[in-house]
Protein backbone atom coordinates (compact mmCIF):
# COMPACT_ATOMS: atom_id res chain seq x y z
CA MET A 1 0.00 0.00 0.00
CA ARG A 2 2.96 2.31 -0.38
CA SER A 3 1.54 3.62 -3.68
CA GLN A 4 -1.46 5.28 -2.00
CA PRO A 5 0.46 8.31 -0.67
CA ILE A 6 1.96 8.81 -4.12
CA VAL A 7 -1.49 8.73 -5.70
CA TYR A 8 -2.86 11.18 -3.14
CA THR A 9 0.13 13.47 -3.64
CA LEU A 10 -0.36 13.42 -7.41
CA LEU A 11 -4.06 14.23 -7.02
CA GLY A 12 -3.16 17.10 -4.70
CA VAL A 13 -0.69 18.49 -7.22
CA LEU A 14 -3.29 18.26 -9.99
CA ARG A 15 -5.84 20.10 -7.86
CA LEU A 16 -3.33 22.87 -7.22
CA LEU A 17 -2.35 23.03 -10.91
CA ARG A 18 -5.60 24.77 -11.75
CA PHE A 19 -4.44 27.84 -9.81
CA PHE A 20 -1.13 28.12 -11.68
CA ASN A 21 -0.42 30.50 -14.48
CA LEU A 22 1.08 28.53 -17.37
CA SER A 23 0.99 31.48 -19.77
CA GLY A 24 3.68 31.32 -22.43
CA LYS A 25 4.74 27.75 -21.55
CA ASP A 26 5.62 25.18 -24.22
CA LEU A 27 3.27 22.22 -23.74
CA ARG A 28 3.22 20.97 -27.33
CA GLY A 29 2.10 17.35 -27.53
CA ALA A 30 1.29 17.16 -23.80
CA ASN A 31 -1.30 14.64 -22.62
CA LEU A 32 -3.57 16.31 -20.08
CA SER A 33 -6.72 14.36 -20.93
CA PHE A 34 -9.36 13.88 -18.23
CA PHE A 35 -7.86 16.51 -15.89
CA SER A 36 -9.84 19.16 -14.07
CA LEU A 37 -8.03 22.40 -14.85
CA LYS A 38 -10.69 25.03 -14.16
CA ARG A 39 -9.60 28.67 -14.34
CA LEU A 40 -6.11 27.72 -15.59
CA ARG A 41 -4.28 30.54 -17.40
CA LEU A 42 -2.59 29.38 -20.61
CA ASP A 43 -2.38 32.71 -22.45
CA ARG A 44 0.16 32.61 -25.30
CA ALA A 45 1.04 29.00 -24.41
CA LEU A 46 2.14 26.54 -27.11
CA LEU A 47 -0.22 23.55 -27.04
CA ASP A 48 -0.03 22.38 -30.65
CA GLY A 49 -0.96 18.70 -30.95
CA ALA A 50 -1.76 18.38 -27.24
CA ASN A 51 -4.36 15.94 -25.92
CA LEU A 52 -6.90 17.79 -23.78
CA ARG A 53 -9.79 15.39 -24.34
CA ARG A 54 -12.55 15.37 -21.74
CA CYS A 55 -10.93 18.02 -19.55
CA ASP A 56 -12.79 20.42 -17.29
CA LEU A 57 -11.38 23.75 -18.43
CA ARG A 58 -14.30 25.99 -17.50
CA TYR A 59 -13.29 29.65 -17.12
CA ALA A 60 -9.74 28.97 -18.39
CA SER A 61 -7.91 31.46 -20.60
CA PHE A 62 -6.10 30.58 -23.84
CA GLU A 63 -5.81 34.14 -25.15
CA GLY A 64 -3.30 34.23 -28.01
CA ALA A 65 -2.36 30.58 -27.41
CA SER A 66 -1.47 28.15 -30.19
CA LEU A 67 -3.70 25.06 -30.12
CA ALA A 68 -3.28 23.90 -33.73
CA GLN A 69 -4.36 20.27 -34.14
CA THR A 70 -5.08 20.02 -30.41
CA ASP A 71 -7.80 17.56 -29.38
CA LEU A 72 -10.25 19.11 -26.92
CA SER A 73 -13.12 16.74 -27.78
CA GLY A 74 -15.68 16.20 -25.04
CA SER A 75 -14.20 18.91 -22.83
CA LEU A 76 -16.08 21.39 -20.65
CA LEU A 77 -15.05 24.76 -22.07
CA ARG A 78 -17.81 26.99 -20.79
CA ARG A 79 -16.83 30.69 -20.61
CA VAL A 80 -13.31 29.97 -21.86
CA ASN A 81 -11.31 32.81 -23.37
CA PHE A 82 -9.96 31.84 -26.82
CA ARG A 83 -9.49 35.45 -28.03
CA GLY A 84 -6.88 35.53 -30.78
CA ALA A 85 -6.01 31.85 -30.29
CA ASN A 86 -4.84 29.58 -33.10
CA LEU A 87 -7.25 26.63 -33.20
CA ASN A 88 -6.41 25.70 -36.79
CA LYS A 89 -7.51 22.08 -37.42
CA ALA A 90 -8.29 21.61 -33.71
CA PHE A 91 -10.89 19.07 -32.55
CA LEU A 92 -13.68 20.58 -30.45
CA ASN A 93 -16.29 17.89 -31.05
CA ASN A 94 -19.01 17.42 -28.40
CA CYS A 95 -17.66 20.33 -26.34
CA ASP A 96 -19.63 22.59 -24.02
CA LEU A 97 -18.55 25.96 -25.43
CA ARG A 98 -21.41 28.02 -24.03
CA GLU A 99 -20.41 31.66 -23.60
CA ALA A 100 -16.85 30.99 -24.86
CA ASP A 101 -15.08 33.93 -26.51
CA PHE A 102 -13.52 33.15 -29.92
CA SER A 103 -13.06 36.81 -30.94
CA GLY A 104 -10.34 36.97 -33.60
CA ALA A 105 -9.52 33.27 -33.20
CA ASP A 106 -8.33 31.09 -36.09
CA LEU A 107 -10.79 28.19 -36.41
CA ARG A 108 -9.92 27.34 -40.01
CA GLY A 109 -10.35 23.62 -40.61
CA ALA A 110 -11.42 23.01 -37.01
CA SER A 111 -14.01 20.37 -36.18
CA LEU A 112 -16.82 21.55 -33.88
CA LYS A 113 -19.29 18.73 -34.53
CA ARG A 114 -22.14 18.67 -32.00
CA ALA A 115 -20.52 21.52 -30.02
CA ASP A 116 -22.76 23.70 -27.86
CA LEU A 117 -21.98 27.27 -28.93
CA ARG A 118 -24.99 28.99 -27.35
CA GLY A 119 -23.95 32.41 -26.13
CA ALA A 120 -20.45 32.06 -27.66
CA CYS A 121 -18.81 35.05 -29.34
CA LEU A 122 -17.35 34.39 -32.80
CA ASP A 123 -16.75 38.03 -33.77
CA GLY A 124 -13.86 38.26 -36.21
CA ALA A 125 -13.10 34.54 -36.00
CA GLN A 126 -11.69 32.89 -39.13
CA THR A 127 -13.87 29.87 -39.84
CA GLU A 128 -13.07 28.81 -43.40
CA GLY A 129 -13.37 25.04 -43.70
CA ALA A 130 -14.57 24.61 -40.11
CA ASP A 131 -17.11 21.83 -39.54
CA PHE A 132 -20.07 22.91 -37.41
CA SER A 133 -22.19 19.80 -38.13
CA ALA A 134 -25.06 19.48 -35.63
CA ALA A 135 -23.60 22.31 -33.50
CA LEU A 136 -25.96 24.34 -31.32
CA PHE A 137 -25.84 28.07 -32.03
CA PRO A 138 -27.44 31.04 -30.28
CA GLN A 139 -30.69 32.38 -31.72
CA GLU A 140 -28.85 35.23 -33.43
CA MET A 141 -25.90 33.52 -35.05
CA PRO A 142 -22.97 36.01 -35.15
CA LEU A 143 -21.29 34.05 -37.95
CA PRO A 144 -23.08 33.83 -41.30
CA PRO A 145 -22.69 30.51 -43.13
CA THR A 146 -20.27 30.56 -46.06
CA GLU A 147 -19.52 28.10 -48.82
CA THR A 148 -16.43 26.84 -47.02
CA ASN A 149 -18.07 26.30 -43.62
CA VAL A 150 -20.02 23.12 -43.04
CA TYR A 151 -23.40 23.65 -41.36
CA HIS A 152 -26.02 20.92 -41.09
């Protein structure tokens, strides 16, 4: 039973991690899937190709961060700040993105299938080639459909 204290210590560290500011850090390719990282600050961080599947990232900030080809599928991303972030070819399928801010973000080629975008801000976001199949939008959609976006 010597492994129990190690497990408890690791869980304690992970709980504290959500209060850290990881802005500007290089976390490319990191596997943080299934972690609860609420309110974590990752502004201008490099997270290209990272695995953030099924994370609780509510109220986190990724302002100006690079998340190209990052997998955030199934994550809780309510009220997350993605202003100016690079989400090119990122996977945001089945995500709770209610009230998230994508102002000026690069969502080109991103997959947002079945994402809940009610109350989200997409002002100035680049969405060419993004897949919004079966996504939930607010009543007044701030992003008009274009030939290169996929809406079903």
